[in-house]
Amino acid sequence: MYEVIAGIDLGTTNSAVCVVEDGVPRILPVHGQPTMPSAVGLDPTGKLIVGQAAKNQQISAPERTITSIKRLMGEDTKVTLGDRQLSPEEVSALILKELKQAAEKELGVPVKKAVITVPAFFNERQRKATQVAGDLAGLEVVRIINEPLLQHLPMVLAVRMGRPCWCMTWVVAPSMCLWYGWSLEWWK
């Protein structure tokens, strides 16, 4: 048995999760889709909803929906969801937990560790907030990776390993899979 370390693109608009299986990257479906809207909400009964269901109610129920939380990461602020006040880390943790659960459902094994992408302009406080969100979601965050660096690593690693590079530089989640799958020894 192997230990799963998920690659997570925690995006402002959409998020994705992937793994490397037998050296091959695979984006895991979340609610049947390759990406999930980075949205959290409460349905009319007060039940927590994450992803597309939350995004779908954004216009009709903005008071029960949170989107673009990534823009507030690292700030000492709270957002309102129903009658609760949540930090950006807590909201991001709900998104990460949904991705974690989707990965576990798809793989049939526990997912306890993750590598998470952040924008290059994220400062140390924002990076720490992302780490905290991962912890709150029940993930050990192995590494926080800059998105621009991540976009170029597949090509560099492909050349180093003599493998063809099939990944477009703008596709972050597959890039993460390639980075993690092909660079364990190189990155240490």
C-alpha atoms as a PDB file:
ATOM      1  CA  MET A   1       0.000   0.000   0.000  1.00  0.00           C
ATOM      2  CA  TYR A   2       1.201   3.484  -0.763  1.00  0.00           C
ATOM      3  CA  GLU A   3       0.641   6.805   0.938  1.00  0.00           C
ATOM      4  CA  VAL A   4      -1.429   9.276  -1.046  1.00  0.00           C
ATOM      5  CA  ILE A   5      -0.272  12.868  -1.275  1.00  0.00           C
ATOM      6  CA  ALA A   6      -2.855  14.879  -3.175  1.00  0.00           C
ATOM      7  CA  GLY A   7      -1.998  17.867  -5.334  1.00  0.00           C
ATOM      8  CA  ILE A   8      -4.548  20.620  -4.721  1.00  0.00           C
ATOM      9  CA  ASP A   9      -5.077  23.761  -6.733  1.00  0.00           C
ATOM     10  CA  LEU A  10      -7.023  25.896  -4.253  1.00  0.00           C
ATOM     11  CA  GLY A  11      -8.233  28.507  -6.685  1.00  0.00           C
ATOM     12  CA  THR A  12     -10.055  31.789  -6.344  1.00  0.00           C
ATOM     13  CA  THR A  13     -12.786  30.682  -8.755  1.00  0.00           C
ATOM     14  CA  ASN A  14     -12.335  26.910  -9.087  1.00  0.00           C
ATOM     15  CA  SER A  15     -10.345  24.236  -7.307  1.00  0.00           C
ATOM     16  CA  ALA A  16      -9.049  20.819  -8.350  1.00  0.00           C
ATOM     17  CA  VAL A  17      -7.387  17.776  -6.827  1.00  0.00           C
ATOM     18  CA  CYS A  18      -5.065  15.271  -8.475  1.00  0.00           C
ATOM     19  CA  VAL A  19      -2.783  12.367  -7.671  1.00  0.00           C
ATOM     20  CA  VAL A  20      -0.056  10.421  -9.407  1.00  0.00           C
ATOM     21  CA  GLU A  21      -0.748   6.733  -9.842  1.00  0.00           C
ATOM     22  CA  ASP A  22       2.011   4.521 -11.231  1.00  0.00           C
ATOM     23  CA  GLY A  23       3.781   7.610 -12.529  1.00  0.00           C
ATOM     24  CA  VAL A  24       0.698   8.879 -14.356  1.00  0.00           C
ATOM     25  CA  PRO A  25      -1.061  12.059 -13.216  1.00  0.00           C
ATOM     26  CA  ARG A  26      -4.818  11.925 -12.775  1.00  0.00           C
ATOM     27  CA  ILE A  27      -7.236  14.719 -11.986  1.00  0.00           C
ATOM     28  CA  LEU A  28      -9.850  13.331  -9.634  1.00  0.00           C
ATOM     29  CA  PRO A  29     -13.507  14.169 -10.194  1.00  0.00           C
ATOM     30  CA  VAL A  30     -15.340  16.239  -7.625  1.00  0.00           C
ATOM     31  CA  HIS A  31     -19.095  15.753  -7.946  1.00  0.00           C
ATOM     32  CA  GLY A  32     -18.429  14.267 -11.372  1.00  0.00           C
ATOM     33  CA  GLN A  33     -16.434  17.252 -12.677  1.00  0.00           C
ATOM     34  CA  PRO A  34     -12.673  17.830 -13.030  1.00  0.00           C
ATOM     35  CA  THR A  35     -12.894  21.133 -11.153  1.00  0.00           C
ATOM     36  CA  MET A  36     -15.118  22.410  -8.378  1.00  0.00           C
ATOM     37  CA  PRO A  37     -16.215  26.016  -7.868  1.00  0.00           C
ATOM     38  CA  SER A  38     -14.477  27.493  -4.825  1.00  0.00           C
ATOM     39  CA  ALA A  39     -17.796  28.389  -3.230  1.00  0.00           C
ATOM     40  CA  VAL A  40     -19.333  27.647   0.157  1.00  0.00           C
ATOM     41  CA  GLY A  41     -22.906  28.244   1.173  1.00  0.00           C
ATOM     42  CA  LEU A  42     -25.936  27.262   3.155  1.00  0.00           C
ATOM     43  CA  ASP A  43     -28.984  25.826   1.428  1.00  0.00           C
ATOM     44  CA  PRO A  44     -32.484  27.090   2.400  1.00  0.00           C
ATOM     45  CA  THR A  45     -32.639  24.565   5.258  1.00  0.00           C
ATOM     46  CA  GLY A  46     -29.291  25.733   6.665  1.00  0.00           C
ATOM     47  CA  LYS A  47     -27.301  22.716   5.463  1.00  0.00           C
ATOM     48  CA  LEU A  48     -23.693  23.392   4.424  1.00  0.00           C
ATOM     49  CA  ILE A  49     -23.077  23.106   0.675  1.00  0.00           C
ATOM     50  CA  VAL A  50     -19.737  23.340  -1.101  1.00  0.00           C
ATOM     51  CA  GLY A  51     -18.876  23.639  -4.782  1.00  0.00           C
ATOM     52  CA  GLN A  52     -21.349  23.845  -7.648  1.00  0.00           C
ATOM     53  CA  ALA A  53     -24.435  23.792  -5.419  1.00  0.00           C
ATOM     54  CA  ALA A  54     -23.130  26.838  -3.531  1.00  0.00           C
ATOM     55  CA  LYS A  55     -22.123  28.595  -6.743  1.00  0.00           C
ATOM     56  CA  ASN A  56     -25.595  27.988  -8.204  1.00  0.00           C
ATOM     57  CA  GLN A  57     -27.239  29.964  -5.414  1.00  0.00           C
ATOM     58  CA  GLN A  58     -24.782  32.876  -5.467  1.00  0.00           C
ATOM     59  CA  ILE A  59     -27.116  35.275  -7.267  1.00  0.00           C
ATOM     60  CA  SER A  60     -30.353  34.220  -5.600  1.00  0.00           C
ATOM     61  CA  ALA A  61     -28.932  33.919  -2.069  1.00  0.00           C
ATOM     62  CA  PRO A  62     -25.757  36.000  -1.718  1.00  0.00           C
ATOM     63  CA  GLU A  63     -26.246  36.232   2.050  1.00  0.00           C
ATOM     64  CA  ARG A  64     -25.860  32.451   2.223  1.00  0.00           C
ATOM     65  CA  THR A  65     -22.935  32.143  -0.213  1.00  0.00           C
ATOM     66  CA  ILE A  66     -19.211  32.846  -0.040  1.00  0.00           C
ATOM     67  CA  THR A  67     -16.997  32.972  -3.148  1.00  0.00           C
ATOM     68  CA  SER A  68     -13.492  34.296  -3.912  1.00  0.00           C
ATOM     69  CA  ILE A  69     -12.376  33.707  -0.314  1.00  0.00           C
ATOM     70  CA  LYS A  70      -8.798  33.222  -1.492  1.00  0.00           C
ATOM     71  CA  ARG A  71      -8.541  37.003  -1.901  1.00  0.00           C
ATOM     72  CA  LEU A  72      -8.927  37.396   1.871  1.00  0.00           C
ATOM     73  CA  MET A  73      -6.409  34.749   2.923  1.00  0.00           C
ATOM     74  CA  GLY A  74      -4.015  36.049   5.555  1.00  0.00           C
ATOM     75  CA  GLU A  75      -6.238  38.972   6.525  1.00  0.00           C
ATOM     76  CA  ASP A  76      -7.572  39.368  10.039  1.00  0.00           C
ATOM     77  CA  THR A  77     -11.202  39.463   8.976  1.00  0.00           C
ATOM     78  CA  LYS A  78     -14.391  37.459   9.184  1.00  0.00           C
ATOM     79  CA  VAL A  79     -17.075  36.734   6.605  1.00  0.00           C
ATOM     80  CA  THR A  80     -20.706  35.975   7.346  1.00  0.00           C
ATOM     81  CA  LEU A  81     -22.325  32.707   6.384  1.00  0.00           C
ATOM     82  CA  GLY A  82     -25.871  32.565   7.707  1.00  0.00           C
ATOM     83  CA  ASP A  83     -25.570  33.400  11.401  1.00  0.00           C
ATOM     84  CA  ARG A  84     -21.914  32.366  11.642  1.00  0.00           C
ATOM     85  CA  GLN A  85     -18.749  34.430  11.338  1.00  0.00           C
ATOM     86  CA  LEU A  86     -15.917  32.522   9.652  1.00  0.00           C
ATOM     87  CA  SER A  87     -12.289  33.351   8.965  1.00  0.00           C
ATOM     88  CA  PRO A  88     -10.971  32.978   5.410  1.00  0.00           C
ATOM     89  CA  GLU A  89      -8.978  29.978   6.648  1.00  0.00           C
ATOM     90  CA  GLU A  90     -12.149  28.276   7.912  1.00  0.00           C
ATOM     91  CA  VAL A  91     -13.952  28.826   4.601  1.00  0.00           C
ATOM     92  CA  SER A  92     -10.950  27.583   2.623  1.00  0.00           C
ATOM     93  CA  ALA A  93     -10.806  24.557   4.916  1.00  0.00           C
ATOM     94  CA  LEU A  94     -14.372  23.670   3.923  1.00  0.00           C
ATOM     95  CA  ILE A  95     -13.329  23.738   0.256  1.00  0.00           C
ATOM     96  CA  LEU A  96     -10.209  21.677   0.967  1.00  0.00           C
ATOM     97  CA  LYS A  97     -12.216  19.177   3.003  1.00  0.00           C
ATOM     98  CA  GLU A  98     -14.635  18.700   0.094  1.00  0.00           C
ATOM     99  CA  LEU A  99     -11.693  18.061  -2.254  1.00  0.00           C
ATOM    100  CA  LYS A 100     -10.155  15.657   0.283  1.00  0.00           C
ATOM    101  CA  GLN A 101     -13.423  13.729   0.615  1.00  0.00           C
ATOM    102  CA  ALA A 102     -13.854  13.539  -3.172  1.00  0.00           C
ATOM    103  CA  ALA A 103     -10.311  12.174  -3.504  1.00  0.00           C
ATOM    104  CA  GLU A 104     -10.925   9.596  -0.783  1.00  0.00           C
ATOM    105  CA  LYS A 105     -14.176   8.513  -2.415  1.00  0.00           C
ATOM    106  CA  GLU A 106     -12.513   8.160  -5.817  1.00  0.00           C
ATOM    107  CA  LEU A 107      -9.379   6.401  -4.556  1.00  0.00           C
ATOM    108  CA  GLY A 108     -10.918   4.311  -1.801  1.00  0.00           C
ATOM    109  CA  VAL A 109      -8.082   5.160   0.593  1.00  0.00           C
ATOM    110  CA  PRO A 110      -7.528   7.918   3.159  1.00  0.00           C
ATOM    111  CA  VAL A 111      -5.937  11.147   1.939  1.00  0.00           C
ATOM    112  CA  LYS A 112      -3.986  12.696   4.783  1.00  0.00           C
ATOM    113  CA  LYS A 113      -1.356  14.776   2.994  1.00  0.00           C
ATOM    114  CA  ALA A 114      -1.394  17.421   0.282  1.00  0.00           C
ATOM    115  CA  VAL A 115       0.691  19.842  -1.728  1.00  0.00           C
ATOM    116  CA  ILE A 116      -1.259  23.087  -2.248  1.00  0.00           C
ATOM    117  CA  THR A 117      -0.666  25.823  -4.809  1.00  0.00           C
ATOM    118  CA  VAL A 118      -0.666  29.545  -4.005  1.00  0.00           C
ATOM    119  CA  PRO A 119      -0.123  32.606  -6.192  1.00  0.00           C
ATOM    120  CA  ALA A 120       3.475  33.811  -6.370  1.00  0.00           C
ATOM    121  CA  PHE A 121       2.454  37.154  -4.856  1.00  0.00           C
ATOM    122  CA  PHE A 122       1.187  35.503  -1.648  1.00  0.00           C
ATOM    123  CA  ASN A 123       3.197  36.781   1.291  1.00  0.00           C
ATOM    124  CA  GLU A 124       4.242  34.681   4.277  1.00  0.00           C
ATOM    125  CA  ARG A 125       1.047  35.453   6.181  1.00  0.00           C
ATOM    126  CA  GLN A 126      -1.104  34.298   3.248  1.00  0.00           C
ATOM    127  CA  ARG A 127       0.977  31.145   2.885  1.00  0.00           C
ATOM    128  CA  LYS A 128       0.591  30.421   6.600  1.00  0.00           C
ATOM    129  CA  ALA A 129      -3.187  30.971   6.293  1.00  0.00           C
ATOM    130  CA  THR A 130      -3.253  28.385   3.501  1.00  0.00           C
ATOM    131  CA  GLN A 131      -1.319  25.987   5.746  1.00  0.00           C
ATOM    132  CA  VAL A 132      -3.839  26.574   8.547  1.00  0.00           C
ATOM    133  CA  ALA A 133      -6.738  25.922   6.161  1.00  0.00           C
ATOM    134  CA  GLY A 134      -5.149  22.610   5.219  1.00  0.00           C
ATOM    135  CA  ASP A 135      -4.715  21.699   8.872  1.00  0.00           C
ATOM    136  CA  LEU A 136      -8.354  22.569   9.602  1.00  0.00           C
ATOM    137  CA  ALA A 137      -9.395  20.333   6.701  1.00  0.00           C
ATOM    138  CA  GLY A 138      -7.532  17.410   8.233  1.00  0.00           C
ATOM    139  CA  LEU A 139      -4.601  17.539   5.823  1.00  0.00           C
ATOM    140  CA  GLU A 140      -0.903  17.599   6.539  1.00  0.00           C
ATOM    141  CA  VAL A 141       0.339  20.216   4.088  1.00  0.00           C
ATOM    142  CA  VAL A 142       3.613  18.778   2.836  1.00  0.00           C
ATOM    143  CA  ARG A 143       4.472  21.816   0.742  1.00  0.00           C
ATOM    144  CA  ILE A 144       3.062  25.130  -0.453  1.00  0.00           C
ATOM    145  CA  ILE A 145       4.051  25.704  -4.103  1.00  0.00           C
ATOM    146  CA  ASN A 146       3.959  28.888  -6.188  1.00  0.00           C
ATOM    147  CA  GLU A 147       1.613  28.557  -9.161  1.00  0.00           C
ATOM    148  CA  PRO A 148       4.015  30.104 -11.744  1.00  0.00           C
ATOM    149  CA  LEU A 149       6.866  27.832 -10.664  1.00  0.00           C
ATOM    150  CA  LEU A 150       4.518  24.909 -10.815  1.00  0.00           C
ATOM    151  CA  GLN A 151       3.491  25.726 -14.356  1.00  0.00           C
ATOM    152  CA  HIS A 152       7.066  25.393 -15.624  1.00  0.00           C
ATOM    153  CA  LEU A 153       8.252  22.413 -13.609  1.00  0.00           C
ATOM    154  CA  PRO A 154       6.657  19.761 -15.837  1.00  0.00           C
ATOM    155  CA  MET A 155       8.694  20.884 -18.828  1.00  0.00           C
ATOM    156  CA  VAL A 156      11.931  21.097 -16.847  1.00  0.00           C
ATOM    157  CA  LEU A 157      11.342  17.715 -15.251  1.00  0.00           C
ATOM    158  CA  ALA A 158      10.297  16.103 -18.509  1.00  0.00           C
ATOM    159  CA  VAL A 159      13.573  17.148 -20.078  1.00  0.00           C
ATOM    160  CA  ARG A 160      15.569  15.982 -17.041  1.00  0.00           C
ATOM    161  CA  MET A 161      13.875  12.594 -17.061  1.00  0.00           C
ATOM    162  CA  GLY A 162      13.827  12.183 -20.822  1.00  0.00           C
ATOM    163  CA  ARG A 163      10.040  12.038 -20.914  1.00  0.00           C
ATOM    164  CA  PRO A 164       7.785  13.859 -23.345  1.00  0.00           C
ATOM    165  CA  CYS A 165       5.951  16.797 -21.817  1.00  0.00           C
ATOM    166  CA  TRP A 166       2.265  16.603 -22.574  1.00  0.00           C
ATOM    167  CA  CYS A 167       1.167  19.357 -20.221  1.00  0.00           C
ATOM    168  CA  MET A 168       0.259  22.898 -21.232  1.00  0.00           C
ATOM    169  CA  THR A 169       1.821  25.434 -18.898  1.00  0.00           C
ATOM    170  CA  TRP A 170      -1.504  27.049 -18.015  1.00  0.00           C
ATOM    171  CA  VAL A 171      -3.034  23.868 -16.631  1.00  0.00           C
ATOM    172  CA  VAL A 172      -2.117  23.986 -12.955  1.00  0.00           C
ATOM    173  CA  ALA A 173      -3.616  20.792 -11.537  1.00  0.00           C
ATOM    174  CA  PRO A 174      -1.988  18.430 -14.070  1.00  0.00           C
ATOM    175  CA  SER A 175       1.238  20.360 -13.632  1.00  0.00           C
ATOM    176  CA  MET A 176       1.103  19.623  -9.938  1.00  0.00           C
ATOM    177  CA  CYS A 177       0.652  15.946 -10.663  1.00  0.00           C
ATOM    178  CA  LEU A 178       3.661  15.986 -12.922  1.00  0.00           C
ATOM    179  CA  TRP A 179       5.677  17.962 -10.399  1.00  0.00           C
ATOM    180  CA  TYR A 180       4.925  15.616  -7.572  1.00  0.00           C
ATOM    181  CA  GLY A 181       5.126  12.452  -9.589  1.00  0.00           C
ATOM    182  CA  TRP A 182       8.379  13.240 -11.347  1.00  0.00           C
ATOM    183  CA  SER A 183      10.331  15.268  -8.872  1.00  0.00           C
ATOM    184  CA  LEU A 184      10.351  13.613  -5.486  1.00  0.00           C
ATOM    185  CA  GLU A 185      14.115  13.130  -5.464  1.00  0.00           C
ATOM    186  CA  TRP A 186      14.902  16.258  -7.448  1.00  0.00           C
ATOM    187  CA  TRP A 187      13.004  18.597  -5.131  1.00  0.00           C
ATOM    188  CA  LYS A 188      14.539  17.446  -1.814  1.00  0.00           C
END
